Amino acid sequence: MQAWYRTHTSWLWLLAPLSALFALISGLRRWLFRCGFKAVYRAPIPVVVVGNLTVGGNGKTPLVVWLVTWLRRQGYNPGVISRGYGGKAEQYPLLLDANTRPAQAGDEPVLIHRRTGCPVVVGPKRGEAAALLATLGVDIIISDDGLQHYALARDIELVVVDGKRRFGNGHLLPMGPLREGLWRLKRVDAIINNGGPTEAGEHLMTLQPGALQSVSGQQAAPEPGSSVHALAGIGHPPRFFATLEQLGFILEQRLALADHQAVAREQLTGLQSAPLLITEKDAVKWPGGHDNTWFVPVDAQLPAEFEQLLLTRLKELDHGD
């Protein structure tokens, strides 16, 4: 909802009673979990939650992929669990394989599985997904989203913040974009700022674009300086468009879709005059319909001090502290 990120939206105060109700219900829910009135599943292996405070995409998926790669370098055998938003499977929990489609598991879990090859399990009940994953030989679980899923105990919490949009107007849903109040940031292990500028205590994550990868067609990849069309169905499409311009491409048309929104072929009819550049998340659910389409893979880069923080926290877990 764009109004959450604008300065002159006084009509949102009409939603203040609903935000107060949301705060009451969510606070009661947290209390029930904390006091043991609602069951909490604790996995037999460590759980790292990668989440956010706001609705919509903030860049969690690149961080999850980075974590899988980084943990392997430290000697771990990680696996990933996810809600599987946008997918609908016949049964849960669902273990992804090479044939799993985004319509079954959601676009982000499929992307993570294809990029990393690590075990990925999706399900609305993350405790069930974690229990299944723990039987598959992994020794640490990464939860893609789920900061507010208190039915799953966690050992490390990482929050991703969009460096440009941050927390919008700072109000709870539906008056603002927040799922929980900003007080929650004081209780997590690290705050990852996607793209900057950073504030005190935040770790900057930058996304490094890689070489264009073909989605369809046999043409040569477009070169920087050439005219292209761009399409993005992510949390903040302008970030992708800005990246393409920084790479030197001239954007003739920009098609911004909602996060996780599937692309309809009829939306591509006016985009045939030039190569089409899309995000990797859109590529995993690409319907076809444009014979010169390329996706731009991105890799997260994080500072050494964040790696050291993670190493310290993991050592504490290994010693049972």
C-alpha atoms as a PDB file:
ATOM      1  CA  MET A   1       0.000   0.000   0.000  1.00  0.00           C
ATOM      2  CA  GLN A   2       1.817   3.086  -1.279  1.00  0.00           C
ATOM      3  CA  ALA A   3       0.019   5.420   1.137  1.00  0.00           C
ATOM      4  CA  TRP A   4       2.047   3.944   4.016  1.00  0.00           C
ATOM      5  CA  TYR A   5       5.205   5.434   2.502  1.00  0.00           C
ATOM      6  CA  ARG A   6       3.903   8.933   1.735  1.00  0.00           C
ATOM      7  CA  THR A   7       4.037  11.942   4.029  1.00  0.00           C
ATOM      8  CA  HIS A   8       0.596  13.452   3.378  1.00  0.00           C
ATOM      9  CA  THR A   9      -1.903  10.670   4.027  1.00  0.00           C
ATOM     10  CA  SER A  10      -3.955  11.989   6.927  1.00  0.00           C
ATOM     11  CA  TRP A  11      -6.902   9.783   5.964  1.00  0.00           C
ATOM     12  CA  LEU A  12      -4.973   6.802   7.317  1.00  0.00           C
ATOM     13  CA  TRP A  13      -5.821   8.014  10.824  1.00  0.00           C
ATOM     14  CA  LEU A  14      -9.313   6.688  10.154  1.00  0.00           C
ATOM     15  CA  LEU A  15      -7.731   3.243  10.460  1.00  0.00           C
ATOM     16  CA  ALA A  16      -6.171   3.968  13.865  1.00  0.00           C
ATOM     17  CA  PRO A  17      -8.859   2.004  15.807  1.00  0.00           C
ATOM     18  CA  LEU A  18      -8.157  -1.049  13.657  1.00  0.00           C
ATOM     19  CA  SER A  19      -4.418  -0.701  14.279  1.00  0.00           C
ATOM     20  CA  ALA A  20      -5.099  -0.514  18.018  1.00  0.00           C
ATOM     21  CA  LEU A  21      -7.143  -3.703  17.756  1.00  0.00           C
ATOM     22  CA  PHE A  22      -4.332  -5.333  15.785  1.00  0.00           C
ATOM     23  CA  ALA A  23      -1.856  -4.353  18.511  1.00  0.00           C
ATOM     24  CA  LEU A  24      -4.115  -5.822  21.195  1.00  0.00           C
ATOM     25  CA  ILE A  25      -4.639  -9.135  19.393  1.00  0.00           C
ATOM     26  CA  SER A  26      -0.994  -9.581  18.378  1.00  0.00           C
ATOM     27  CA  GLY A  27       0.182  -8.671  21.870  1.00  0.00           C
ATOM     28  CA  LEU A  28      -2.203 -11.197  23.403  1.00  0.00           C
ATOM     29  CA  ARG A  29      -0.973 -13.838  20.980  1.00  0.00           C
ATOM     30  CA  ARG A  30       2.669 -13.220  21.925  1.00  0.00           C
ATOM     31  CA  TRP A  31       1.747 -13.456  25.605  1.00  0.00           C
ATOM     32  CA  LEU A  32      -0.017 -16.790  25.110  1.00  0.00           C
ATOM     33  CA  PHE A  33       3.074 -18.263  23.461  1.00  0.00           C
ATOM     34  CA  ARG A  34       5.407 -16.784  26.060  1.00  0.00           C
ATOM     35  CA  CYS A  35       3.381 -18.154  28.975  1.00  0.00           C
ATOM     36  CA  GLY A  36       2.963 -21.588  27.466  1.00  0.00           C
ATOM     37  CA  PHE A  37      -0.759 -21.433  26.769  1.00  0.00           C
ATOM     38  CA  LYS A  38      -0.037 -21.980  23.066  1.00  0.00           C
ATOM     39  CA  ALA A  39       2.327 -24.742  21.998  1.00  0.00           C
ATOM     40  CA  VAL A  40       5.817 -23.930  20.693  1.00  0.00           C
ATOM     41  CA  TYR A  41       7.813 -26.442  18.676  1.00  0.00           C
ATOM     42  CA  ARG A  42      11.552 -26.550  19.329  1.00  0.00           C
ATOM     43  CA  ALA A  43      13.566 -28.313  16.653  1.00  0.00           C
ATOM     44  CA  PRO A  44      16.402 -30.635  17.694  1.00  0.00           C
ATOM     45  CA  ILE A  45      18.834 -28.461  15.714  1.00  0.00           C
ATOM     46  CA  PRO A  46      19.409 -24.674  15.668  1.00  0.00           C
ATOM     47  CA  VAL A  47      16.902 -22.443  13.858  1.00  0.00           C
ATOM     48  CA  VAL A  48      17.817 -19.111  12.250  1.00  0.00           C
ATOM     49  CA  VAL A  49      14.843 -16.902  11.349  1.00  0.00           C
ATOM     50  CA  VAL A  50      15.212 -14.363   8.549  1.00  0.00           C
ATOM     51  CA  GLY A  51      12.246 -12.010   8.789  1.00  0.00           C
ATOM     52  CA  ASN A  52      11.058  -8.438   8.700  1.00  0.00           C
ATOM     53  CA  LEU A  53       8.743  -6.063  10.511  1.00  0.00           C
ATOM     54  CA  THR A  54       6.868  -4.787   7.474  1.00  0.00           C
ATOM     55  CA  VAL A  55       4.571  -6.493   5.012  1.00  0.00           C
ATOM     56  CA  GLY A  56       5.952  -7.013   1.524  1.00  0.00           C
ATOM     57  CA  GLY A  57       9.384  -7.968   0.268  1.00  0.00           C
ATOM     58  CA  ASN A  58      12.504  -6.440   1.795  1.00  0.00           C
ATOM     59  CA  GLY A  59      15.209  -8.662   0.319  1.00  0.00           C
ATOM     60  CA  LYS A  60      15.014 -11.718   2.563  1.00  0.00           C
ATOM     61  CA  THR A  61      15.531 -14.257  -0.230  1.00  0.00           C
ATOM     62  CA  PRO A  62      19.039 -13.057  -1.257  1.00  0.00           C
ATOM     63  CA  LEU A  63      20.024 -13.144   2.406  1.00  0.00           C
ATOM     64  CA  VAL A  64      18.714 -16.713   2.787  1.00  0.00           C
ATOM     65  CA  VAL A  65      20.725 -17.810  -0.274  1.00  0.00           C
ATOM     66  CA  TRP A  66      23.803 -16.063   1.142  1.00  0.00           C
ATOM     67  CA  LEU A  67      23.311 -17.795   4.501  1.00  0.00           C
ATOM     68  CA  VAL A  68      23.096 -21.234   2.900  1.00  0.00           C
ATOM     69  CA  THR A  69      26.377 -20.646   1.058  1.00  0.00           C
ATOM     70  CA  TRP A  70      28.102 -19.081   4.066  1.00  0.00           C
ATOM     71  CA  LEU A  71      27.000 -21.808   6.495  1.00  0.00           C
ATOM     72  CA  ARG A  72      28.335 -24.470   4.136  1.00  0.00           C
ATOM     73  CA  ARG A  73      31.711 -22.737   4.179  1.00  0.00           C
ATOM     74  CA  GLN A  74      31.643 -22.964   7.991  1.00  0.00           C
ATOM     75  CA  GLY A  75      31.064 -26.712   7.801  1.00  0.00           C
ATOM     76  CA  TYR A  76      27.291 -26.789   8.329  1.00  0.00           C
ATOM     77  CA  ASN A  77      24.691 -28.648   6.281  1.00  0.00           C
ATOM     78  CA  PRO A  78      21.768 -26.174   6.176  1.00  0.00           C
ATOM     79  CA  GLY A  79      18.182 -26.570   5.048  1.00  0.00           C
ATOM     80  CA  VAL A  80      15.403 -24.023   4.530  1.00  0.00           C
ATOM     81  CA  ILE A  81      11.760 -23.876   5.590  1.00  0.00           C
ATOM     82  CA  SER A  82       9.173 -21.430   4.260  1.00  0.00           C
ATOM     83  CA  ARG A  83       5.476 -20.685   4.363  1.00  0.00           C
ATOM     84  CA  GLY A  84       5.405 -21.122   0.596  1.00  0.00           C
ATOM     85  CA  TYR A  85       3.381 -17.980  -0.021  1.00  0.00           C
ATOM     86  CA  GLY A  86       1.635 -18.034  -3.401  1.00  0.00           C
ATOM     87  CA  GLY A  87       1.734 -21.819  -3.699  1.00  0.00           C
ATOM     88  CA  LYS A  88      -0.860 -24.455  -2.939  1.00  0.00           C
ATOM     89  CA  ALA A  89       0.212 -28.055  -2.462  1.00  0.00           C
ATOM     90  CA  GLU A  90      -1.982 -31.121  -2.112  1.00  0.00           C
ATOM     91  CA  GLN A  91      -0.429 -31.849   1.266  1.00  0.00           C
ATOM     92  CA  TYR A  92       1.946 -30.257   3.763  1.00  0.00           C
ATOM     93  CA  PRO A  93       4.740 -30.227   4.707  1.00  0.00           C
ATOM     94  CA  LEU A  94       6.070 -30.379   1.142  1.00  0.00           C
ATOM     95  CA  LEU A  95       9.694 -31.291   0.379  1.00  0.00           C
ATOM     96  CA  LEU A  96      10.754 -29.604  -2.853  1.00  0.00           C
ATOM     97  CA  ASP A  97      12.414 -31.495  -5.666  1.00  0.00           C
ATOM     98  CA  ALA A  98      13.554 -30.644  -9.193  1.00  0.00           C
ATOM     99  CA  ASN A  99       9.991 -30.894 -10.504  1.00  0.00           C
ATOM    100  CA  THR A 100       8.260 -28.754  -7.865  1.00  0.00           C
ATOM    101  CA  ARG A 101       6.485 -25.793  -9.452  1.00  0.00           C
ATOM    102  CA  PRO A 102       5.967 -22.306  -7.984  1.00  0.00           C
ATOM    103  CA  ALA A 103       2.207 -22.976  -8.119  1.00  0.00           C
ATOM    104  CA  GLN A 104       2.809 -25.706  -5.539  1.00  0.00           C
ATOM    105  CA  ALA A 105       5.494 -24.198  -3.310  1.00  0.00           C
ATOM    106  CA  GLY A 106       5.634 -20.473  -4.077  1.00  0.00           C
ATOM    107  CA  ASP A 107       8.229 -18.641  -6.143  1.00  0.00           C
ATOM    108  CA  GLU A 108      10.791 -17.876  -3.428  1.00  0.00           C
ATOM    109  CA  PRO A 109      11.233 -21.454  -2.108  1.00  0.00           C
ATOM    110  CA  VAL A 110      11.625 -22.725  -5.685  1.00  0.00           C
ATOM    111  CA  LEU A 111      14.233 -20.028  -6.359  1.00  0.00           C
ATOM    112  CA  ILE A 112      16.136 -20.923  -3.168  1.00  0.00           C
ATOM    113  CA  HIS A 113      16.074 -24.634  -4.006  1.00  0.00           C
ATOM    114  CA  ARG A 114      17.296 -24.060  -7.566  1.00  0.00           C
ATOM    115  CA  ARG A 115      20.039 -21.636  -6.545  1.00  0.00           C
ATOM    116  CA  THR A 116      21.429 -23.612  -3.604  1.00  0.00           C
ATOM    117  CA  GLY A 117      20.362 -27.231  -4.086  1.00  0.00           C
ATOM    118  CA  CYS A 118      19.795 -27.487  -0.330  1.00  0.00           C
ATOM    119  CA  PRO A 119      16.719 -29.236   1.138  1.00  0.00           C
ATOM    120  CA  VAL A 120      13.700 -26.902   1.207  1.00  0.00           C
ATOM    121  CA  VAL A 121      10.409 -27.712   2.947  1.00  0.00           C
ATOM    122  CA  VAL A 122       7.299 -25.525   2.798  1.00  0.00           C
ATOM    123  CA  GLY A 123       4.168 -25.539   4.911  1.00  0.00           C
ATOM    124  CA  PRO A 124       1.844 -23.133   6.740  1.00  0.00           C
ATOM    125  CA  LYS A 125       2.873 -24.752  10.044  1.00  0.00           C
ATOM    126  CA  ARG A 126       6.593 -24.100  10.216  1.00  0.00           C
ATOM    127  CA  GLY A 127       7.004 -26.474  13.154  1.00  0.00           C
ATOM    128  CA  GLU A 128       5.888 -29.362  10.960  1.00  0.00           C
ATOM    129  CA  ALA A 129       8.184 -28.184   8.159  1.00  0.00           C
ATOM    130  CA  ALA A 130      11.115 -27.936  10.596  1.00  0.00           C
ATOM    131  CA  ALA A 131      10.401 -31.395  12.024  1.00  0.00           C
ATOM    132  CA  LEU A 132      10.507 -32.945   8.561  1.00  0.00           C
ATOM    133  CA  LEU A 133      13.648 -31.043   7.591  1.00  0.00           C
ATOM    134  CA  ALA A 134      15.429 -32.197  10.762  1.00  0.00           C
ATOM    135  CA  THR A 135      15.034 -35.827   9.628  1.00  0.00           C
ATOM    136  CA  LEU A 136      16.853 -35.178   6.342  1.00  0.00           C
ATOM    137  CA  GLY A 137      20.390 -34.897   7.673  1.00  0.00           C
ATOM    138  CA  VAL A 138      20.610 -31.105   7.988  1.00  0.00           C
ATOM    139  CA  ASP A 139      22.202 -29.648  11.104  1.00  0.00           C
ATOM    140  CA  ILE A 140      20.806 -26.104  11.001  1.00  0.00           C
ATOM    141  CA  ILE A 141      17.500 -24.678   9.753  1.00  0.00           C
ATOM    142  CA  ILE A 142      16.967 -21.313   8.073  1.00  0.00           C
ATOM    143  CA  SER A 143      13.391 -20.056   8.236  1.00  0.00           C
ATOM    144  CA  ASP A 144      12.569 -17.828   5.264  1.00  0.00           C
ATOM    145  CA  ASP A 145      10.291 -15.299   6.962  1.00  0.00           C
ATOM    146  CA  GLY A 146       8.481 -16.290  10.148  1.00  0.00           C
ATOM    147  CA  LEU A 147       9.676 -13.642  12.610  1.00  0.00           C
ATOM    148  CA  GLN A 148       6.098 -13.427  13.904  1.00  0.00           C
ATOM    149  CA  HIS A 149       5.517 -17.218  13.720  1.00  0.00           C
ATOM    150  CA  TYR A 150       5.971 -17.799  17.448  1.00  0.00           C
ATOM    151  CA  ALA A 151       4.799 -21.413  17.227  1.00  0.00           C
ATOM    152  CA  LEU A 152       8.386 -22.160  16.128  1.00  0.00           C
ATOM    153  CA  ALA A 153      11.185 -21.589  18.633  1.00  0.00           C
ATOM    154  CA  ARG A 154      14.280 -19.937  17.221  1.00  0.00           C
ATOM    155  CA  ASP A 155      17.894 -19.507  18.261  1.00  0.00           C
ATOM    156  CA  ILE A 156      18.948 -16.579  16.066  1.00  0.00           C
ATOM    157  CA  GLU A 157      16.754 -13.808  14.629  1.00  0.00           C
ATOM    158  CA  LEU A 158      17.800 -11.639  11.679  1.00  0.00           C
ATOM    159  CA  VAL A 159      15.600  -8.764  10.499  1.00  0.00           C
ATOM    160  CA  VAL A 160      15.892  -7.321   6.988  1.00  0.00           C
ATOM    161  CA  VAL A 161      15.067  -3.632   6.515  1.00  0.00           C
ATOM    162  CA  ASP A 162      14.554  -1.906   3.165  1.00  0.00           C
ATOM    163  CA  GLY A 163      17.094   0.903   3.290  1.00  0.00           C
ATOM    164  CA  LYS A 164      14.981   3.248   1.177  1.00  0.00           C
ATOM    165  CA  ARG A 165      11.435   2.628   2.438  1.00  0.00           C
ATOM    166  CA  ARG A 166      12.406   1.558   5.971  1.00  0.00           C
ATOM    167  CA  PHE A 167       9.244   1.388   8.119  1.00  0.00           C
ATOM    168  CA  GLY A 168       6.995   3.762   6.202  1.00  0.00           C
ATOM    169  CA  ASN A 169       4.877   5.858   8.540  1.00  0.00           C
ATOM    170  CA  GLY A 170       5.845   3.702  11.508  1.00  0.00           C
ATOM    171  CA  HIS A 171       2.321   2.504  12.318  1.00  0.00           C
ATOM    172  CA  LEU A 172       0.935  -0.994  12.752  1.00  0.00           C
ATOM    173  CA  LEU A 173      -1.373  -2.629  10.237  1.00  0.00           C
ATOM    174  CA  PRO A 174      -3.653  -1.523   8.669  1.00  0.00           C
ATOM    175  CA  MET A 175      -2.741   2.121   9.343  1.00  0.00           C
ATOM    176  CA  GLY A 176       0.872   1.378   8.444  1.00  0.00           C
ATOM    177  CA  PRO A 177       3.056  -1.464   7.158  1.00  0.00           C
ATOM    178  CA  LEU A 178       4.283  -2.805  10.506  1.00  0.00           C
ATOM    179  CA  ARG A 179       3.510  -6.336  11.675  1.00  0.00           C
ATOM    180  CA  GLU A 180       5.059  -5.530  15.056  1.00  0.00           C
ATOM    181  CA  GLY A 181       6.238  -2.327  16.701  1.00  0.00           C
ATOM    182  CA  LEU A 182       9.756  -0.972  16.312  1.00  0.00           C
ATOM    183  CA  TRP A 183      10.463  -2.166  19.869  1.00  0.00           C
ATOM    184  CA  ARG A 184      10.913  -5.610  18.304  1.00  0.00           C
ATOM    185  CA  LEU A 185      14.229  -4.549  16.749  1.00  0.00           C
ATOM    186  CA  LYS A 186      15.831  -4.453  20.215  1.00  0.00           C
ATOM    187  CA  ARG A 187      15.218  -8.178  20.662  1.00  0.00           C
ATOM    188  CA  VAL A 188      16.751  -9.535  17.448  1.00  0.00           C
ATOM    189  CA  ASP A 189      20.347 -10.613  16.945  1.00  0.00           C
ATOM    190  CA  ALA A 190      21.053  -8.422  13.909  1.00  0.00           C
ATOM    191  CA  ILE A 191      19.401  -5.852  11.635  1.00  0.00           C
ATOM    192  CA  ILE A 192      20.326  -6.185   7.958  1.00  0.00           C
ATOM    193  CA  ASN A 193      19.822  -3.039   5.894  1.00  0.00           C
ATOM    194  CA  ASN A 194      19.153  -3.799   2.231  1.00  0.00           C
ATOM    195  CA  GLY A 195      20.756  -1.119   0.097  1.00  0.00           C
ATOM    196  CA  GLY A 196      21.314   1.621   2.687  1.00  0.00           C
ATOM    197  CA  PRO A 197      21.671   4.223   3.935  1.00  0.00           C
ATOM    198  CA  THR A 198      22.249   2.493   7.246  1.00  0.00           C
ATOM    199  CA  GLU A 199      21.530   3.713  10.752  1.00  0.00           C
ATOM    200  CA  ALA A 200      23.414   2.889  13.930  1.00  0.00           C
ATOM    201  CA  GLY A 201      23.637  -0.816  14.642  1.00  0.00           C
ATOM    202  CA  GLU A 202      22.606  -1.942  11.146  1.00  0.00           C
ATOM    203  CA  HIS A 203      24.648  -4.135   8.798  1.00  0.00           C
ATOM    204  CA  LEU A 204      24.634  -3.076   5.151  1.00  0.00           C
ATOM    205  CA  MET A 205      23.661  -5.700   2.591  1.00  0.00           C
ATOM    206  CA  THR A 206      24.311  -4.901  -1.054  1.00  0.00           C
ATOM    207  CA  LEU A 207      22.996  -6.901  -3.986  1.00  0.00           C
ATOM    208  CA  GLN A 208      25.555  -7.522  -6.714  1.00  0.00           C
ATOM    209  CA  PRO A 209      23.957  -8.226 -10.118  1.00  0.00           C
ATOM    210  CA  GLY A 210      25.467 -11.071 -12.134  1.00  0.00           C
ATOM    211  CA  ALA A 211      25.587 -11.842 -15.842  1.00  0.00           C
ATOM    212  CA  LEU A 212      22.256 -11.958 -17.662  1.00  0.00           C
ATOM    213  CA  GLN A 213      20.747 -15.438 -17.913  1.00  0.00           C
ATOM    214  CA  SER A 214      18.496 -16.441 -20.797  1.00  0.00           C
ATOM    215  CA  VAL A 215      14.878 -17.295 -20.025  1.00  0.00           C
ATOM    216  CA  SER A 216      13.668 -17.746 -23.604  1.00  0.00           C
ATOM    217  CA  GLY A 217      14.960 -17.232 -27.114  1.00  0.00           C
ATOM    218  CA  GLN A 218      18.291 -17.679 -28.861  1.00  0.00           C
ATOM    219  CA  GLN A 219      19.367 -14.049 -29.278  1.00  0.00           C
ATOM    220  CA  ALA A 220      22.550 -12.612 -27.857  1.00  0.00           C
ATOM    221  CA  ALA A 221      22.274 -10.982 -24.451  1.00  0.00           C
ATOM    222  CA  PRO A 222      21.608  -7.230 -24.578  1.00  0.00           C
ATOM    223  CA  GLU A 223      24.601  -5.067 -23.766  1.00  0.00           C
ATOM    224  CA  PRO A 224      24.687  -2.041 -21.438  1.00  0.00           C
ATOM    225  CA  GLY A 225      23.735   1.025 -23.427  1.00  0.00           C
ATOM    226  CA  SER A 226      21.005  -0.775 -25.356  1.00  0.00           C
ATOM    227  CA  SER A 227      17.276  -0.172 -25.002  1.00  0.00           C
ATOM    228  CA  VAL A 228      15.294  -2.801 -23.100  1.00  0.00           C
ATOM    229  CA  HIS A 229      11.972  -3.311 -21.381  1.00  0.00           C
ATOM    230  CA  ALA A 230      11.885  -4.237 -17.680  1.00  0.00           C
ATOM    231  CA  LEU A 231       9.462  -6.233 -15.553  1.00  0.00           C
ATOM    232  CA  ALA A 232       9.531  -6.887 -11.814  1.00  0.00           C
ATOM    233  CA  GLY A 233       7.101  -8.625  -9.491  1.00  0.00           C
ATOM    234  CA  ILE A 234       8.955  -8.067  -6.212  1.00  0.00           C
ATOM    235  CA  GLY A 235       8.382  -6.076  -3.043  1.00  0.00           C
ATOM    236  CA  HIS A 236       9.873  -2.850  -4.426  1.00  0.00           C
ATOM    237  CA  PRO A 237      10.143  -2.907  -8.262  1.00  0.00           C
ATOM    238  CA  PRO A 238      11.802   0.545  -8.514  1.00  0.00           C
ATOM    239  CA  ARG A 239      14.905  -0.965  -6.904  1.00  0.00           C
ATOM    240  CA  PHE A 240      15.236  -3.428  -9.801  1.00  0.00           C
ATOM    241  CA  PHE A 241      14.653  -0.714 -12.393  1.00  0.00           C
ATOM    242  CA  ALA A 242      17.302   1.483 -10.759  1.00  0.00           C
ATOM    243  CA  THR A 243      19.767  -1.418 -10.826  1.00  0.00           C
ATOM    244  CA  LEU A 244      19.253  -1.867 -14.575  1.00  0.00           C
ATOM    245  CA  GLU A 245      19.859   1.845 -15.152  1.00  0.00           C
ATOM    246  CA  GLN A 246      23.011   1.699 -13.035  1.00  0.00           C
ATOM    247  CA  LEU A 247      24.188  -1.146 -15.250  1.00  0.00           C
ATOM    248  CA  GLY A 248      23.770   1.169 -18.246  1.00  0.00           C
ATOM    249  CA  PHE A 249      20.536  -0.098 -19.818  1.00  0.00           C
ATOM    250  CA  ILE A 250      17.989   2.320 -21.263  1.00  0.00           C
ATOM    251  CA  LEU A 251      14.529   1.384 -20.023  1.00  0.00           C
ATOM    252  CA  GLU A 252      11.822   1.990 -22.614  1.00  0.00           C
ATOM    253  CA  GLN A 253       8.950   0.479 -20.632  1.00  0.00           C
ATOM    254  CA  ARG A 254       8.687  -0.610 -16.994  1.00  0.00           C
ATOM    255  CA  LEU A 255       6.066  -3.083 -15.802  1.00  0.00           C
ATOM    256  CA  ALA A 256       5.791  -3.193 -12.011  1.00  0.00           C
ATOM    257  CA  LEU A 257       3.751  -6.041 -10.544  1.00  0.00           C
ATOM    258  CA  ALA A 258       2.793  -6.822  -6.971  1.00  0.00           C
ATOM    259  CA  ASP A 259       5.119  -9.059  -4.990  1.00  0.00           C
ATOM    260  CA  HIS A 260       4.625 -12.732  -5.982  1.00  0.00           C
ATOM    261  CA  GLN A 261       2.153 -11.732  -8.733  1.00  0.00           C
ATOM    262  CA  ALA A 262       2.177 -14.122 -11.671  1.00  0.00           C
ATOM    263  CA  VAL A 263       2.769 -12.675 -15.134  1.00  0.00           C
ATOM    264  CA  ALA A 264      -0.045 -13.047 -17.645  1.00  0.00           C
ATOM    265  CA  ARG A 265       0.937 -13.498 -21.289  1.00  0.00           C
ATOM    266  CA  GLU A 266      -1.367 -10.695 -22.386  1.00  0.00           C
ATOM    267  CA  GLN A 267       0.710  -8.285 -20.283  1.00  0.00           C
ATOM    268  CA  LEU A 268       3.646  -8.930 -22.603  1.00  0.00           C
ATOM    269  CA  THR A 269       1.983  -8.008 -25.894  1.00  0.00           C
ATOM    270  CA  GLY A 270       3.336  -4.461 -25.868  1.00  0.00           C
ATOM    271  CA  LEU A 271       6.868  -5.488 -24.881  1.00  0.00           C
ATOM    272  CA  GLN A 272       8.020  -7.282 -28.036  1.00  0.00           C
ATOM    273  CA  SER A 273      10.009  -4.406 -29.530  1.00  0.00           C
ATOM    274  CA  ALA A 274      13.089  -4.873 -27.322  1.00  0.00           C
ATOM    275  CA  PRO A 275      14.740  -7.437 -25.027  1.00  0.00           C
ATOM    276  CA  LEU A 276      12.898  -7.925 -21.752  1.00  0.00           C
ATOM    277  CA  LEU A 277      14.830  -7.999 -18.461  1.00  0.00           C
ATOM    278  CA  ILE A 278      13.160  -9.550 -15.424  1.00  0.00           C
ATOM    279  CA  THR A 279      14.073 -10.574 -11.890  1.00  0.00           C
ATOM    280  CA  GLU A 280      15.171 -14.071 -10.967  1.00  0.00           C
ATOM    281  CA  LYS A 281      12.025 -14.490  -8.880  1.00  0.00           C
ATOM    282  CA  ASP A 282       9.882 -13.750 -11.934  1.00  0.00           C
ATOM    283  CA  ALA A 283      11.964 -16.152 -14.016  1.00  0.00           C
ATOM    284  CA  VAL A 284      11.075 -19.192 -11.885  1.00  0.00           C
ATOM    285  CA  LYS A 285       7.393 -18.758 -12.752  1.00  0.00           C
ATOM    286  CA  TRP A 286       7.798 -17.342 -16.252  1.00  0.00           C
ATOM    287  CA  PRO A 287       4.797 -18.178 -18.511  1.00  0.00           C
ATOM    288  CA  GLY A 288       6.579 -17.585 -21.829  1.00  0.00           C
ATOM    289  CA  GLY A 289       5.191 -15.228 -24.424  1.00  0.00           C
ATOM    290  CA  HIS A 290       8.318 -13.153 -25.070  1.00  0.00           C
ATOM    291  CA  ASP A 291      11.095 -14.734 -27.118  1.00  0.00           C
ATOM    292  CA  ASN A 292      13.923 -12.451 -25.924  1.00  0.00           C
ATOM    293  CA  THR A 293      13.744 -12.538 -22.126  1.00  0.00           C
ATOM    294  CA  TRP A 294      16.635 -12.447 -19.670  1.00  0.00           C
ATOM    295  CA  PHE A 295      16.790 -12.494 -15.887  1.00  0.00           C
ATOM    296  CA  VAL A 296      19.311 -10.730 -13.690  1.00  0.00           C
ATOM    297  CA  PRO A 297      20.653 -12.897 -10.837  1.00  0.00           C
ATOM    298  CA  VAL A 298      21.791 -11.058  -7.725  1.00  0.00           C
ATOM    299  CA  ASP A 299      24.129 -12.128  -4.948  1.00  0.00           C
ATOM    300  CA  ALA A 300      24.066 -10.606  -1.483  1.00  0.00           C
ATOM    301  CA  GLN A 301      27.255  -9.171  -0.042  1.00  0.00           C
ATOM    302  CA  LEU A 302      27.589  -8.558   3.693  1.00  0.00           C
ATOM    303  CA  PRO A 303      30.314  -7.019   5.851  1.00  0.00           C
ATOM    304  CA  ALA A 304      32.897  -8.978   7.816  1.00  0.00           C
ATOM    305  CA  GLU A 305      31.538  -7.745  11.138  1.00  0.00           C
ATOM    306  CA  PHE A 306      28.201  -9.417  10.405  1.00  0.00           C
ATOM    307  CA  GLU A 307      29.976 -12.689   9.618  1.00  0.00           C
ATOM    308  CA  GLN A 308      31.856 -12.423  12.900  1.00  0.00           C
ATOM    309  CA  LEU A 309      28.605 -11.789  14.787  1.00  0.00           C
ATOM    310  CA  LEU A 310      27.097 -14.929  13.266  1.00  0.00           C
ATOM    311  CA  LEU A 311      30.173 -16.996  14.088  1.00  0.00           C
ATOM    312  CA  THR A 312      30.021 -15.845  17.699  1.00  0.00           C
ATOM    313  CA  ARG A 313      26.318 -16.650  18.035  1.00  0.00           C
ATOM    314  CA  LEU A 314      26.761 -20.077  16.444  1.00  0.00           C
ATOM    315  CA  LYS A 315      29.656 -20.906  18.803  1.00  0.00           C
ATOM    316  CA  GLU A 316      27.459 -19.958  21.747  1.00  0.00           C
ATOM    317  CA  LEU A 317      24.789 -22.362  20.471  1.00  0.00           C
ATOM    318  CA  ASP A 318      27.368 -25.127  19.996  1.00  0.00           C
ATOM    319  CA  HIS A 319      28.386 -24.738  23.639  1.00  0.00           C
ATOM    320  CA  GLY A 320      24.781 -24.827  24.775  1.00  0.00           C
ATOM    321  CA  ASP A 321      24.802 -21.309  26.208  1.00  0.00           C
END
